[in-house]
Amino acid sequence: MFCHNYNYKKMRIQLRLLFFLTLHVTILQGGIFKAVQQALFSTSLQLPKFIPGHSKSEDYDVRTYQSAKWVSTRVTGLEYDPAISTGFRRLFRYIQGSNEQKEKVEMTAPVTCLVDPGAGPACETTFTVSFYLPEEHQADPPKPTDPDLFIEDRKEHTVFVSTFGGFSNQQKSRDQLLQLMKSLQRDGLEFQEKLYYTAGYDSPFKLTNRRNEVWLLKKPDV
């Protein structure tokens, strides 16, 4: 338990340092007010477009996301929190100009993580961490120079969404996921049981009114 808490605190410190660097770079580029807004309130961030759907209950939402490009990286391991930290660092370097065009890319929200669990409790899980690419880069995204990064052409898909506040971690996401599964089973809705997404919308500097989500993919209609 001590080791898990230590790793979680270490990851939060690392993420805060990364966001501080983002804030510093944005200020140097002249967008002081926008940088402060993004760091403290997570405002002015572009979001992927979706169409809200009909939900049978108030404890989850239904969204159909439009096709869009994301920059993504895969991390394998046993623990969610260190994987998110590793993936975020790789993607952060990309948006700061570590790409073939040496072009800076604005931060967006949410940061998503597709979790593909291993076959057993001791098997490694594949975590695909992603940043949504802003509208101005959708047609022709800067090409990554890091071989661990790739441009993901995410097709239209429908997800069931559970939203929760506070600072997220592996256990909180799992608890929300289990509750979402129970709600969907109660309402007779079919979803993909193996894969799921987590989504985070806020800078580590934001202390209140935080927004986290878990997504379950709707099974395609036959």
Protein backbone atom coordinates (compact mmCIF):
# COMPACT_ATOMS: atom_id res chain seq x y z
CA MET A 1 0.00 0.00 0.00
CA PHE A 2 2.85 2.38 0.90
CA CYS A 3 4.57 1.69 -2.43
CA HIS A 4 1.36 2.29 -4.39
CA ASN A 5 0.71 5.61 -2.60
CA TYR A 6 4.32 6.68 -3.13
CA ASN A 7 4.14 5.93 -6.86
CA TYR A 8 0.84 7.80 -7.19
CA LYS A 9 2.23 10.89 -5.42
CA LYS A 10 5.39 10.73 -7.54
CA MET A 11 3.30 10.55 -10.73
CA ARG A 12 1.24 13.60 -9.68
CA ILE A 13 4.43 15.58 -9.04
CA GLN A 14 5.80 14.61 -12.47
CA LEU A 15 2.57 15.60 -14.22
CA ARG A 16 2.49 18.94 -12.41
CA LEU A 17 6.04 19.63 -13.56
CA LEU A 18 5.05 18.85 -17.14
CA PHE A 19 2.08 21.21 -17.01
CA PHE A 20 4.28 23.89 -15.46
CA LEU A 21 6.60 23.56 -18.46
CA THR A 22 3.58 23.85 -20.79
CA LEU A 23 2.49 27.01 -18.96
CA HIS A 24 5.99 28.48 -19.15
CA VAL A 25 6.31 27.82 -22.89
CA THR A 26 2.89 29.30 -23.62
CA ILE A 27 3.75 32.44 -21.65
CA LEU A 28 6.98 32.82 -23.60
CA GLN A 29 4.95 32.61 -26.81
CA GLY A 30 2.84 35.56 -25.65
CA GLY A 31 -0.39 33.87 -24.59
CA ILE A 32 -0.19 34.77 -20.91
CA PHE A 33 -3.92 35.03 -20.18
CA LYS A 34 -4.72 31.87 -22.13
CA ALA A 35 -1.91 29.97 -20.43
CA VAL A 36 -3.17 30.91 -16.95
CA GLN A 37 -6.71 29.93 -17.92
CA GLN A 38 -5.59 26.54 -19.19
CA ALA A 39 -3.36 25.78 -16.20
CA LEU A 40 -5.73 26.84 -13.44
CA PHE A 41 -9.17 26.30 -14.95
CA SER A 42 -8.60 23.94 -17.93
CA THR A 43 -10.51 26.34 -20.18
CA SER A 44 -9.92 27.23 -23.83
CA LEU A 45 -8.96 23.65 -24.63
CA GLN A 46 -10.28 22.12 -27.85
CA LEU A 47 -12.43 19.01 -27.39
CA PRO A 48 -13.31 16.24 -29.84
CA LYS A 49 -16.75 16.62 -31.38
CA PHE A 50 -19.56 14.29 -30.39
CA ILE A 51 -23.32 13.93 -30.65
CA PRO A 52 -25.12 13.24 -27.36
CA GLY A 53 -27.40 10.21 -27.38
CA HIS A 54 -30.39 9.09 -25.34
CA SER A 55 -29.58 7.63 -21.94
CA LYS A 56 -31.95 5.34 -20.05
CA SER A 57 -30.63 6.61 -16.73
CA GLU A 58 -29.12 9.72 -15.14
CA ASP A 59 -26.02 7.87 -13.88
CA TYR A 60 -24.34 7.72 -17.30
CA ASP A 61 -24.24 9.54 -20.65
CA VAL A 62 -24.24 8.27 -24.22
CA ARG A 63 -22.03 9.97 -26.84
CA THR A 64 -21.20 9.29 -30.45
CA TYR A 65 -17.78 10.72 -31.25
CA GLN A 66 -17.04 11.78 -34.80
CA SER A 67 -14.07 10.41 -36.70
CA ALA A 68 -10.92 12.28 -35.72
CA LYS A 69 -7.16 11.99 -35.55
CA TRP A 70 -5.30 11.59 -32.26
CA VAL A 71 -1.60 11.26 -31.49
CA SER A 72 -1.10 8.12 -29.44
CA THR A 73 1.47 5.90 -27.76
CA ARG A 74 1.28 2.39 -26.30
CA VAL A 75 2.72 1.50 -22.92
CA THR A 76 2.74 -2.03 -21.51
CA GLY A 77 2.89 -2.78 -17.81
CA LEU A 78 1.02 -3.94 -14.73
CA GLU A 79 0.13 -0.54 -13.24
CA TYR A 80 -2.13 2.15 -14.70
CA ASP A 81 -0.65 5.23 -13.02
CA PRO A 82 3.00 4.81 -14.16
CA ALA A 83 1.76 3.97 -17.69
CA ILE A 84 -0.24 7.21 -17.87
CA SER A 85 2.80 9.16 -16.70
CA THR A 86 5.08 7.55 -19.31
CA GLY A 87 2.57 8.05 -22.11
CA PHE A 88 1.94 11.67 -21.14
CA ARG A 89 5.66 12.49 -21.20
CA ARG A 90 6.04 11.08 -24.71
CA LEU A 91 3.03 12.99 -26.02
CA PHE A 92 4.09 16.18 -24.27
CA ARG A 93 7.41 16.14 -26.12
CA TYR A 94 5.48 15.75 -29.40
CA ILE A 95 3.26 18.81 -28.84
CA GLN A 96 6.29 20.85 -27.78
CA GLY A 97 7.82 20.37 -31.24
CA SER A 98 9.42 16.91 -31.19
CA ASN A 99 8.01 16.07 -34.61
CA GLU A 100 9.27 16.18 -38.21
CA GLN A 101 7.89 19.69 -38.78
CA LYS A 102 9.25 20.89 -35.39
CA GLU A 103 5.82 22.43 -34.94
CA LYS A 104 4.23 23.16 -31.58
CA VAL A 105 0.72 21.77 -31.10
CA GLU A 106 -1.79 23.18 -28.61
CA MET A 107 -2.84 21.11 -25.64
CA THR A 108 -6.35 19.67 -25.90
CA ALA A 109 -8.71 17.63 -23.73
CA PRO A 110 -9.35 14.97 -22.78
CA VAL A 111 -6.25 12.86 -22.38
CA THR A 112 -7.62 9.39 -23.05
CA CYS A 113 -6.22 5.99 -22.17
CA LEU A 114 -7.50 2.83 -23.84
CA VAL A 115 -6.99 -0.02 -21.38
CA ASP A 116 -6.59 -3.51 -22.86
CA PRO A 117 -6.12 -5.86 -19.88
CA GLY A 118 -3.83 -8.86 -20.08
CA ALA A 119 -5.13 -12.43 -20.06
CA GLY A 120 -4.45 -12.99 -16.35
CA PRO A 121 -3.69 -11.11 -13.11
CA ALA A 122 0.10 -11.32 -13.67
CA CYS A 123 -0.07 -10.46 -17.39
CA GLU A 124 0.87 -7.05 -18.70
CA THR A 125 -1.85 -4.64 -19.76
CA THR A 126 -1.59 -2.47 -22.88
CA PHE A 127 -2.33 1.21 -22.21
CA THR A 128 -2.82 3.46 -25.26
CA VAL A 129 -2.49 7.07 -24.12
CA SER A 130 -3.73 9.74 -26.56
CA PHE A 131 -4.01 13.48 -27.13
CA TYR A 132 -6.74 14.76 -29.45
CA LEU A 133 -5.23 16.74 -32.32
CA PRO A 134 -6.59 20.31 -32.70
CA GLU A 135 -8.77 21.17 -35.69
CA GLU A 136 -5.94 22.98 -37.46
CA HIS A 137 -3.90 19.75 -37.50
CA GLN A 138 -6.65 17.26 -38.32
CA ALA A 139 -6.05 17.25 -42.09
CA ASP A 140 -2.25 16.99 -41.93
CA PRO A 141 -0.86 16.29 -38.44
CA PRO A 142 2.86 16.78 -37.76
CA LYS A 143 4.61 13.43 -38.10
CA PRO A 144 6.12 12.08 -34.87
CA THR A 145 9.87 11.52 -34.72
CA ASP A 146 9.56 9.22 -31.70
CA PRO A 147 8.99 5.64 -32.98
CA ASP A 148 6.78 4.97 -29.95
CA LEU A 149 4.23 7.55 -31.18
CA PHE A 150 1.73 7.20 -34.01
CA ILE A 151 -1.16 9.13 -35.53
CA GLU A 152 -4.39 7.29 -34.76
CA ASP A 153 -7.34 7.69 -37.10
CA ARG A 154 -10.10 7.00 -34.60
CA LYS A 155 -13.31 6.09 -36.38
CA GLU A 156 -16.79 7.17 -35.30
CA HIS A 157 -17.77 5.28 -32.18
CA THR A 158 -20.40 5.36 -29.44
CA VAL A 159 -19.46 5.23 -25.77
CA PHE A 160 -21.26 5.00 -22.46
CA VAL A 161 -19.75 7.55 -20.06
CA SER A 162 -19.52 7.80 -16.28
CA THR A 163 -18.22 11.11 -14.91
CA PHE A 164 -16.62 11.69 -11.50
CA GLY A 165 -14.64 14.40 -9.74
CA GLY A 166 -11.48 14.74 -7.68
CA PHE A 167 -8.01 13.47 -8.58
CA SER A 168 -8.34 10.20 -10.45
CA ASN A 169 -6.22 7.08 -9.98
CA GLN A 170 -6.38 3.41 -10.88
CA GLN A 171 -8.68 2.39 -8.03
CA LYS A 172 -11.16 5.24 -8.56
CA SER A 173 -11.36 4.47 -12.28
CA ARG A 174 -12.00 0.78 -11.58
CA ASP A 175 -14.73 1.58 -9.08
CA GLN A 176 -16.46 3.87 -11.60
CA LEU A 177 -16.05 1.26 -14.32
CA LEU A 178 -17.71 -1.46 -12.25
CA GLN A 179 -20.60 0.86 -11.38
CA LEU A 180 -21.04 1.80 -15.04
CA MET A 181 -21.11 -1.87 -16.03
CA LYS A 182 -23.80 -2.58 -13.45
CA SER A 183 -25.90 0.35 -14.71
CA LEU A 184 -25.67 -0.78 -18.34
CA GLN A 185 -26.49 -4.39 -17.45
CA ARG A 186 -29.47 -3.15 -15.46
CA ASP A 187 -30.70 -1.23 -18.51
CA GLY A 188 -30.10 -4.14 -20.90
CA LEU A 189 -27.42 -2.36 -22.94
CA GLU A 190 -24.61 -4.25 -24.66
CA PHE A 191 -21.02 -3.04 -24.46
CA GLN A 192 -17.52 -4.34 -25.10
CA GLU A 193 -16.48 -5.96 -21.84
CA LYS A 194 -12.71 -6.25 -22.29
CA LEU A 195 -11.65 -2.77 -23.42
CA TYR A 196 -12.40 0.53 -21.74
CA TYR A 197 -11.23 4.14 -21.81
CA THR A 198 -10.32 6.59 -19.09
CA ALA A 199 -10.47 10.32 -19.85
CA GLY A 200 -9.02 13.24 -17.91
CA TYR A 201 -9.83 16.88 -18.65
CA ASP A 202 -7.87 18.91 -16.11
CA SER A 203 -4.41 20.21 -15.33
CA PRO A 204 -2.89 18.97 -12.05
CA PHE A 205 -3.01 22.63 -10.93
CA LYS A 206 -6.79 22.60 -10.89
CA LEU A 207 -7.90 21.63 -7.39
CA THR A 208 -11.70 21.88 -7.55
CA ASN A 209 -14.48 20.93 -9.96
CA ARG A 210 -12.27 18.38 -11.65
CA ARG A 211 -13.66 16.17 -14.40
CA ASN A 212 -12.71 12.54 -14.99
CA GLU A 213 -14.53 9.89 -17.00
CA VAL A 214 -14.56 6.20 -17.83
CA TRP A 215 -15.96 5.07 -21.18
CA LEU A 216 -17.31 1.72 -22.29
CA LEU A 217 -17.64 1.12 -26.02
CA LYS A 218 -21.09 0.26 -27.30
CA LYS A 219 -21.26 -2.99 -29.22
CA PRO A 220 -21.95 -2.35 -32.92
CA ASP A 221 -25.53 -2.90 -34.02
CA VAL A 222 -25.92 -6.16 -35.90
